[in-house]
Amino acid sequence: QRYVVDPEPYVLFFPPEWHINDNIPEGRRRDVGD
């Protein structure tokens, strides 16, 4: 597969037990309530 840019922005969420969601930049972090 050749690389093709995906226009959809990354909005990230990781298992809460990892304790890294608060480190994701603002605007790229999804809250569990969402």
ModelCIF file with pLDDT and N, C-alpha, C, O atoms, coordinates in Angstrom:
data_MODEL
#
_entry.id   MODEL 
#
_entity.id                         1 
_entity.type                       polymer 
_entity.pdbx_number_of_molecules   1 
#
_entity_poly.entity_id                      1 
_entity_poly.type                           'polypeptide(L)' 
_entity_poly.nstd_linkage                   no 
_entity_poly.nstd_monomer                   no 
_entity_poly.pdbx_seq_one_letter_code       QRYVVDPEPYVLFFPPEWHINDNIPEGRRRDVGD 
_entity_poly.pdbx_seq_one_letter_code_can   QRYVVDPEPYVLFFPPEWHINDNIPEGRRRDVGD 
_entity_poly.pdbx_strand_id                 A 
#
loop_
_entity_poly_seq.entity_id 
_entity_poly_seq.num 
_entity_poly_seq.mon_id 
_entity_poly_seq.hetero 
1 1  GLN n 
1 2  ARG n 
1 3  TYR n 
1 4  VAL n 
1 5  VAL n 
1 6  ASP n 
1 7  PRO n 
1 8  GLU n 
1 9  PRO n 
1 10 TYR n 
1 11 VAL n 
1 12 LEU n 
1 13 PHE n 
1 14 PHE n 
1 15 PRO n 
1 16 PRO n 
1 17 GLU n 
1 18 TRP n 
1 19 HIS n 
1 20 ILE n 
1 21 ASN n 
1 22 ASP n 
1 23 ASN n 
1 24 ILE n 
1 25 PRO n 
1 26 GLU n 
1 27 GLY n 
1 28 ARG n 
1 29 ARG n 
1 30 ARG n 
1 31 ASP n 
1 32 VAL n 
1 33 GLY n 
1 34 ASP n 
#
_struct_asym.id          A 
_struct_asym.entity_id   1 
#
loop_
_ma_qa_metric.id 
_ma_qa_metric.mode 
_ma_qa_metric.name 
_ma_qa_metric.software_group_id 
_ma_qa_metric.type 
1 global pLDDT . pLDDT 
2 local  pLDDT . pLDDT 
#
_ma_qa_metric_global.metric_id      1 
_ma_qa_metric_global.metric_value   86.09 
_ma_qa_metric_global.model_id       1 
_ma_qa_metric_global.ordinal_id     1 
#
loop_
_ma_qa_metric_local.label_asym_id 
_ma_qa_metric_local.label_comp_id 
_ma_qa_metric_local.label_seq_id 
_ma_qa_metric_local.metric_id 
_ma_qa_metric_local.metric_value 
_ma_qa_metric_local.model_id 
_ma_qa_metric_local.ordinal_id 
A GLN 1  2 65.00 1 1  
A ARG 2  2 66.00 1 2  
A TYR 3  2 62.00 1 3  
A VAL 4  2 66.00 1 4  
A VAL 5  2 67.00 1 5  
A ASP 6  2 70.00 1 6  
A PRO 7  2 69.00 1 7  
A GLU 8  2 76.00 1 8  
A PRO 9  2 78.00 1 9  
A TYR 10 2 86.00 1 10 
A VAL 11 2 94.00 1 11 
A LEU 12 2 97.00 1 12 
A PHE 13 2 97.00 1 13 
A PHE 14 2 98.00 1 14 
A PRO 15 2 97.00 1 15 
A PRO 16 2 96.00 1 16 
A GLU 17 2 97.00 1 17 
A TRP 18 2 98.00 1 18 
A HIS 19 2 97.00 1 19 
A ILE 20 2 98.00 1 20 
A ASN 21 2 97.00 1 21 
A ASP 22 2 96.00 1 22 
A ASN 23 2 97.00 1 23 
A ILE 24 2 96.00 1 24 
A PRO 25 2 94.00 1 25 
A GLU 26 2 90.00 1 26 
A GLY 27 2 91.00 1 27 
A ARG 28 2 94.00 1 28 
A ARG 29 2 93.00 1 29 
A ARG 30 2 91.00 1 30 
A ASP 31 2 86.00 1 31 
A VAL 32 2 76.00 1 32 
A GLY 33 2 74.00 1 33 
A ASP 34 2 78.00 1 34 
#
loop_
_atom_site.group_PDB 
_atom_site.id 
_atom_site.type_symbol 
_atom_site.label_atom_id 
_atom_site.label_alt_id 
_atom_site.label_comp_id 
_atom_site.label_asym_id 
_atom_site.label_entity_id 
_atom_site.label_seq_id 
_atom_site.pdbx_PDB_ins_code 
_atom_site.Cartn_x 
_atom_site.Cartn_y 
_atom_site.Cartn_z 
_atom_site.occupancy 
_atom_site.B_iso_or_equiv 
_atom_site.pdbx_formal_charge 
_atom_site.auth_seq_id 
_atom_site.auth_comp_id 
_atom_site.auth_asym_id 
_atom_site.auth_atom_id 
_atom_site.pdbx_PDB_model_num 
ATOM 1   N N  . GLN A 1 1  ? 0.817   -1.214 0.000  1.00 65.00 ? 1  GLN A N  1 
ATOM 2   C CA . GLN A 1 1  ? 0.000   0.000  0.000  1.00 65.00 ? 1  GLN A CA 1 
ATOM 3   C C  . GLN A 1 1  ? 0.853   1.268  0.000  1.00 65.00 ? 1  GLN A C  1 
ATOM 4   O O  . GLN A 1 1  ? 1.765   1.424  0.812  1.00 65.00 ? 1  GLN A O  1 
ATOM 5   N N  . ARG A 1 2  ? 0.536   2.159  -0.923 1.00 66.00 ? 2  ARG A N  1 
ATOM 6   C CA . ARG A 1 2  ? 1.126   3.487  -0.948 1.00 66.00 ? 2  ARG A CA 1 
ATOM 7   C C  . ARG A 1 2  ? 0.447   4.355  0.111  1.00 66.00 ? 2  ARG A C  1 
ATOM 8   O O  . ARG A 1 2  ? -0.701  4.116  0.487  1.00 66.00 ? 2  ARG A O  1 
ATOM 9   N N  . TYR A 1 3  ? 1.174   5.362  0.583  1.00 62.00 ? 3  TYR A N  1 
ATOM 10  C CA . TYR A 1 3  ? 0.595   6.243  1.585  1.00 62.00 ? 3  TYR A CA 1 
ATOM 11  C C  . TYR A 1 3  ? -0.369  7.218  0.933  1.00 62.00 ? 3  TYR A C  1 
ATOM 12  O O  . TYR A 1 3  ? -0.035  7.865  -0.059 1.00 62.00 ? 3  TYR A O  1 
ATOM 13  N N  . VAL A 1 4  ? -1.557  7.319  1.491  1.00 66.00 ? 4  VAL A N  1 
ATOM 14  C CA . VAL A 1 4  ? -2.556  8.292  1.056  1.00 66.00 ? 4  VAL A CA 1 
ATOM 15  C C  . VAL A 1 4  ? -3.000  9.070  2.291  1.00 66.00 ? 4  VAL A C  1 
ATOM 16  O O  . VAL A 1 4  ? -3.365  8.470  3.302  1.00 66.00 ? 4  VAL A O  1 
ATOM 17  N N  . VAL A 1 5  ? -2.973  10.380 2.217  1.00 67.00 ? 5  VAL A N  1 
ATOM 18  C CA . VAL A 1 5  ? -3.331  11.206 3.368  1.00 67.00 ? 5  VAL A CA 1 
ATOM 19  C C  . VAL A 1 5  ? -4.803  11.007 3.716  1.00 67.00 ? 5  VAL A C  1 
ATOM 20  O O  . VAL A 1 5  ? -5.671  11.122 2.851  1.00 67.00 ? 5  VAL A O  1 
ATOM 21  N N  . ASP A 1 6  ? -5.080  10.709 4.975  1.00 70.00 ? 6  ASP A N  1 
ATOM 22  C CA . ASP A 1 6  ? -6.440  10.621 5.472  1.00 70.00 ? 6  ASP A CA 1 
ATOM 23  C C  . ASP A 1 6  ? -6.843  12.006 5.969  1.00 70.00 ? 6  ASP A C  1 
ATOM 24  O O  . ASP A 1 6  ? -6.215  12.527 6.891  1.00 70.00 ? 6  ASP A O  1 
ATOM 25  N N  . PRO A 1 7  ? -7.869  12.615 5.384  1.00 69.00 ? 7  PRO A N  1 
ATOM 26  C CA . PRO A 1 7  ? -8.217  13.990 5.768  1.00 69.00 ? 7  PRO A CA 1 
ATOM 27  C C  . PRO A 1 7  ? -8.840  14.100 7.154  1.00 69.00 ? 7  PRO A C  1 
ATOM 28  O O  . PRO A 1 7  ? -8.879  15.187 7.729  1.00 69.00 ? 7  PRO A O  1 
ATOM 29  N N  . GLU A 1 8  ? -9.334  12.974 7.702  1.00 76.00 ? 8  GLU A N  1 
ATOM 30  C CA . GLU A 1 8  ? -9.958  13.014 9.019  1.00 76.00 ? 8  GLU A CA 1 
ATOM 31  C C  . GLU A 1 8  ? -8.907  13.275 10.090 1.00 76.00 ? 8  GLU A C  1 
ATOM 32  O O  . GLU A 1 8  ? -7.895  12.574 10.136 1.00 76.00 ? 8  GLU A O  1 
ATOM 33  N N  . PRO A 1 9  ? -9.121  14.263 10.950 1.00 78.00 ? 9  PRO A N  1 
ATOM 34  C CA . PRO A 1 9  ? -8.129  14.558 11.993 1.00 78.00 ? 9  PRO A CA 1 
ATOM 35  C C  . PRO A 1 9  ? -8.130  13.476 13.072 1.00 78.00 ? 9  PRO A C  1 
ATOM 36  O O  . PRO A 1 9  ? -9.149  12.836 13.331 1.00 78.00 ? 9  PRO A O  1 
ATOM 37  N N  . TYR A 1 10 ? -6.976  13.289 13.689 1.00 86.00 ? 10 TYR A N  1 
ATOM 38  C CA . TYR A 1 10 ? -6.888  12.400 14.835 1.00 86.00 ? 10 TYR A CA 1 
ATOM 39  C C  . TYR A 1 10 ? -7.567  13.053 16.029 1.00 86.00 ? 10 TYR A C  1 
ATOM 40  O O  . TYR A 1 10 ? -7.244  14.185 16.390 1.00 86.00 ? 10 TYR A O  1 
ATOM 41  N N  . VAL A 1 11 ? -8.499  12.350 16.637 1.00 94.00 ? 11 VAL A N  1 
ATOM 42  C CA . VAL A 1 11 ? -9.023  12.721 17.949 1.00 94.00 ? 11 VAL A CA 1 
ATOM 43  C C  . VAL A 1 11 ? -8.873  11.467 18.800 1.00 94.00 ? 11 VAL A C  1 
ATOM 44  O O  . VAL A 1 11 ? -9.473  10.436 18.495 1.00 94.00 ? 11 VAL A O  1 
ATOM 45  N N  . LEU A 1 12 ? -8.085  11.543 19.856 1.00 97.00 ? 12 LEU A N  1 
ATOM 46  C CA . LEU A 1 12 ? -7.567  10.346 20.517 1.00 97.00 ? 12 LEU A CA 1 
ATOM 47  C C  . LEU A 1 12 ? -8.198  10.098 21.885 1.00 97.00 ? 12 LEU A C  1 
ATOM 48  O O  . LEU A 1 12 ? -8.598  11.020 22.595 1.00 97.00 ? 12 LEU A O  1 
ATOM 49  N N  . PHE A 1 13 ? -8.267  8.826  22.214 1.00 97.00 ? 13 PHE A N  1 
ATOM 50  C CA . PHE A 1 13 ? -8.674  8.387  23.548 1.00 97.00 ? 13 PHE A CA 1 
ATOM 51  C C  . PHE A 1 13 ? -8.016  7.036  23.798 1.00 97.00 ? 13 PHE A C  1 
ATOM 52  O O  . PHE A 1 13 ? -8.062  6.149  22.946 1.00 97.00 ? 13 PHE A O  1 
ATOM 53  N N  . PHE A 1 14 ? -7.407  6.886  24.965 1.00 98.00 ? 14 PHE A N  1 
ATOM 54  C CA . PHE A 1 14 ? -6.741  5.635  25.327 1.00 98.00 ? 14 PHE A CA 1 
ATOM 55  C C  . PHE A 1 14 ? -7.349  5.080  26.615 1.00 98.00 ? 14 PHE A C  1 
ATOM 56  O O  . PHE A 1 14 ? -8.012  5.810  27.351 1.00 98.00 ? 14 PHE A O  1 
ATOM 57  N N  . PRO A 1 15 ? -7.129  3.800  26.890 1.00 97.00 ? 15 PRO A N  1 
ATOM 58  C CA . PRO A 1 15 ? -7.679  3.229  28.126 1.00 97.00 ? 15 PRO A CA 1 
ATOM 59  C C  . PRO A 1 15 ? -7.344  4.101  29.332 1.00 97.00 ? 15 PRO A C  1 
ATOM 60  O O  . PRO A 1 15 ? -6.177  4.431  29.542 1.00 97.00 ? 15 PRO A O  1 
ATOM 61  N N  . PRO A 1 16 ? -8.330  4.475  30.117 1.00 96.00 ? 16 PRO A N  1 
ATOM 62  C CA . PRO A 1 16 ? -8.072  5.385  31.248 1.00 96.00 ? 16 PRO A CA 1 
ATOM 63  C C  . PRO A 1 16 ? -6.999  4.882  32.204 1.00 96.00 ? 16 PRO A C  1 
ATOM 64  O O  . PRO A 1 16 ? -6.303  5.683  32.829 1.00 96.00 ? 16 PRO A O  1 
ATOM 65  N N  . GLU A 1 17 ? -6.855  3.549  32.325 1.00 97.00 ? 17 GLU A N  1 
ATOM 66  C CA . GLU A 1 17 ? -5.857  2.990  33.242 1.00 97.00 ? 17 GLU A CA 1 
ATOM 67  C C  . GLU A 1 17 ? -4.430  3.337  32.826 1.00 97.00 ? 17 GLU A C  1 
ATOM 68  O O  . GLU A 1 17 ? -3.510  3.208  33.633 1.00 97.00 ? 17 GLU A O  1 
ATOM 69  N N  . TRP A 1 18 ? -4.230  3.770  31.596 1.00 98.00 ? 18 TRP A N  1 
ATOM 70  C CA . TRP A 1 18 ? -2.897  4.154  31.142 1.00 98.00 ? 18 TRP A CA 1 
ATOM 71  C C  . TRP A 1 18 ? -2.490  5.533  31.656 1.00 98.00 ? 18 TRP A C  1 
ATOM 72  O O  . TRP A 1 18 ? -1.302  5.854  31.694 1.00 98.00 ? 18 TRP A O  1 
ATOM 73  N N  . HIS A 1 19 ? -3.456  6.340  32.045 1.00 97.00 ? 19 HIS A N  1 
ATOM 74  C CA . HIS A 1 19 ? -3.192  7.665  32.620 1.00 97.00 ? 19 HIS A CA 1 
ATOM 75  C C  . HIS A 1 19 ? -2.390  8.564  31.671 1.00 97.00 ? 19 HIS A C  1 
ATOM 76  O O  . HIS A 1 19 ? -1.472  9.269  32.091 1.00 97.00 ? 19 HIS A O  1 
ATOM 77  N N  . ILE A 1 20 ? -2.757  8.523  30.379 1.00 98.00 ? 20 ILE A N  1 
ATOM 78  C CA . ILE A 1 20 ? -2.071  9.400  29.417 1.00 98.00 ? 20 ILE A CA 1 
ATOM 79  C C  . ILE A 1 20 ? -3.035  10.326 28.690 1.00 98.00 ? 20 ILE A C  1 
ATOM 80  O O  . ILE A 1 20 ? -2.589  11.197 27.944 1.00 98.00 ? 20 ILE A O  1 
ATOM 81  N N  . ASN A 1 21 ? -4.337  10.168 28.880 1.00 97.00 ? 21 ASN A N  1 
ATOM 82  C CA . ASN A 1 21 ? -5.281  10.989 28.125 1.00 97.00 ? 21 ASN A CA 1 
ATOM 83  C C  . ASN A 1 21 ? -5.113  12.479 28.416 1.00 97.00 ? 21 ASN A C  1 
ATOM 84  O O  . ASN A 1 21 ? -5.299  13.308 27.524 1.00 97.00 ? 21 ASN A O  1 
ATOM 85  N N  . ASP A 1 22 ? -4.767  12.823 29.648 1.00 96.00 ? 22 ASP A N  1 
ATOM 86  C CA . ASP A 1 22 ? -4.574  14.237 29.978 1.00 96.00 ? 22 ASP A CA 1 
ATOM 87  C C  . ASP A 1 22 ? -3.350  14.826 29.294 1.00 96.00 ? 22 ASP A C  1 
ATOM 88  O O  . ASP A 1 22 ? -3.196  16.046 29.249 1.00 96.00 ? 22 ASP A O  1 
ATOM 89  N N  . ASN A 1 23 ? -2.472  13.969 28.756 1.00 97.00 ? 23 ASN A N  1 
ATOM 90  C CA . ASN A 1 23 ? -1.264  14.456 28.073 1.00 97.00 ? 23 ASN A CA 1 
ATOM 91  C C  . ASN A 1 23 ? -1.500  14.732 26.591 1.00 97.00 ? 23 ASN A C  1 
ATOM 92  O O  . ASN A 1 23 ? -0.636  15.299 25.923 1.00 97.00 ? 23 ASN A O  1 
ATOM 93  N N  . ILE A 1 24 ? -2.659  14.335 26.073 1.00 96.00 ? 24 ILE A N  1 
ATOM 94  C CA . ILE A 1 24 ? -2.971  14.578 24.666 1.00 96.00 ? 24 ILE A CA 1 
ATOM 95  C C  . ILE A 1 24 ? -3.257  16.063 24.474 1.00 96.00 ? 24 ILE A C  1 
ATOM 96  O O  . ILE A 1 24 ? -3.951  16.656 25.300 1.00 96.00 ? 24 ILE A O  1 
ATOM 97  N N  . PRO A 1 25 ? -2.746  16.683 23.411 1.00 94.00 ? 25 PRO A N  1 
ATOM 98  C CA . PRO A 1 25 ? -2.982  18.118 23.213 1.00 94.00 ? 25 PRO A CA 1 
ATOM 99  C C  . PRO A 1 25 ? -4.464  18.475 23.152 1.00 94.00 ? 25 PRO A C  1 
ATOM 100 O O  . PRO A 1 25 ? -5.282  17.687 22.678 1.00 94.00 ? 25 PRO A O  1 
ATOM 101 N N  . GLU A 1 26 ? -4.794  19.645 23.628 1.00 90.00 ? 26 GLU A N  1 
ATOM 102 C CA . GLU A 1 26 ? -6.164  20.147 23.549 1.00 90.00 ? 26 GLU A CA 1 
ATOM 103 C C  . GLU A 1 26 ? -6.623  20.155 22.091 1.00 90.00 ? 26 GLU A C  1 
ATOM 104 O O  . GLU A 1 26 ? -5.856  20.481 21.185 1.00 90.00 ? 26 GLU A O  1 
ATOM 105 N N  . GLY A 1 27 ? -7.861  19.797 21.888 1.00 91.00 ? 27 GLY A N  1 
ATOM 106 C CA . GLY A 1 27 ? -8.403  19.721 20.540 1.00 91.00 ? 27 GLY A CA 1 
ATOM 107 C C  . GLY A 1 27 ? -8.171  18.394 19.867 1.00 91.00 ? 27 GLY A C  1 
ATOM 108 O O  . GLY A 1 27 ? -8.800  18.103 18.850 1.00 91.00 ? 27 GLY A O  1 
ATOM 109 N N  . ARG A 1 28 ? -7.275  17.569 20.411 1.00 94.00 ? 28 ARG A N  1 
ATOM 110 C CA . ARG A 1 28 ? -7.016  16.239 19.869 1.00 94.00 ? 28 ARG A CA 1 
ATOM 111 C C  . ARG A 1 28 ? -7.415  15.149 20.870 1.00 94.00 ? 28 ARG A C  1 
ATOM 112 O O  . ARG A 1 28 ? -7.207  13.962 20.621 1.00 94.00 ? 28 ARG A O  1 
ATOM 113 N N  . ARG A 1 29 ? -7.979  15.556 21.983 1.00 93.00 ? 29 ARG A N  1 
ATOM 114 C CA . ARG A 1 29 ? -8.321  14.620 23.054 1.00 93.00 ? 29 ARG A CA 1 
ATOM 115 C C  . ARG A 1 29 ? -9.834  14.487 23.138 1.00 93.00 ? 29 ARG A C  1 
ATOM 116 O O  . ARG A 1 29 ? -10.553 15.486 23.167 1.00 93.00 ? 29 ARG A O  1 
ATOM 117 N N  . ARG A 1 30 ? -10.308 13.253 23.176 1.00 91.00 ? 30 ARG A N  1 
ATOM 118 C CA . ARG A 1 30 ? -11.728 13.010 23.360 1.00 91.00 ? 30 ARG A CA 1 
ATOM 119 C C  . ARG A 1 30 ? -11.980 12.622 24.810 1.00 91.00 ? 30 ARG A C  1 
ATOM 120 O O  . ARG A 1 30 ? -11.274 11.776 25.359 1.00 91.00 ? 30 ARG A O  1 
ATOM 121 N N  . ASP A 1 31 ? -12.964 13.224 25.421 1.00 86.00 ? 31 ASP A N  1 
ATOM 122 C CA . ASP A 1 31 ? -13.317 12.895 26.797 1.00 86.00 ? 31 ASP A CA 1 
ATOM 123 C C  . ASP A 1 31 ? -14.215 11.673 26.821 1.00 86.00 ? 31 ASP A C  1 
ATOM 124 O O  . ASP A 1 31 ? -14.985 11.439 25.889 1.00 86.00 ? 31 ASP A O  1 
ATOM 125 N N  . VAL A 1 32 ? -14.115 10.891 27.897 1.00 76.00 ? 32 VAL A N  1 
ATOM 126 C CA . VAL A 1 32 ? -14.892 9.651  27.980 1.00 76.00 ? 32 VAL A CA 1 
ATOM 127 C C  . VAL A 1 32 ? -16.390 9.938  27.890 1.00 76.00 ? 32 VAL A C  1 
ATOM 128 O O  . VAL A 1 32 ? -17.141 9.119  27.361 1.00 76.00 ? 32 VAL A O  1 
ATOM 129 N N  . GLY A 1 33 ? -16.828 11.067 28.389 1.00 74.00 ? 33 GLY A N  1 
ATOM 130 C CA . GLY A 1 33 ? -18.249 11.397 28.336 1.00 74.00 ? 33 GLY A CA 1 
ATOM 131 C C  . GLY A 1 33 ? -18.746 11.645 26.931 1.00 74.00 ? 33 GLY A C  1 
ATOM 132 O O  . GLY A 1 33 ? -19.949 11.575 26.680 1.00 74.00 ? 33 GLY A O  1 
ATOM 133 N N  . ASP A 1 34 ? -17.830 11.937 25.997 1.00 78.00 ? 34 ASP A N  1 
ATOM 134 C CA . ASP A 1 34 ? -18.231 12.207 24.603 1.00 78.00 ? 34 ASP A CA 1 
ATOM 135 C C  . ASP A 1 34 ? -18.384 10.943 23.775 1.00 78.00 ? 34 ASP A C  1 
ATOM 136 O O  . ASP A 1 34 ? -18.715 11.016 22.592 1.00 78.00 ? 34 ASP A O  1 
#
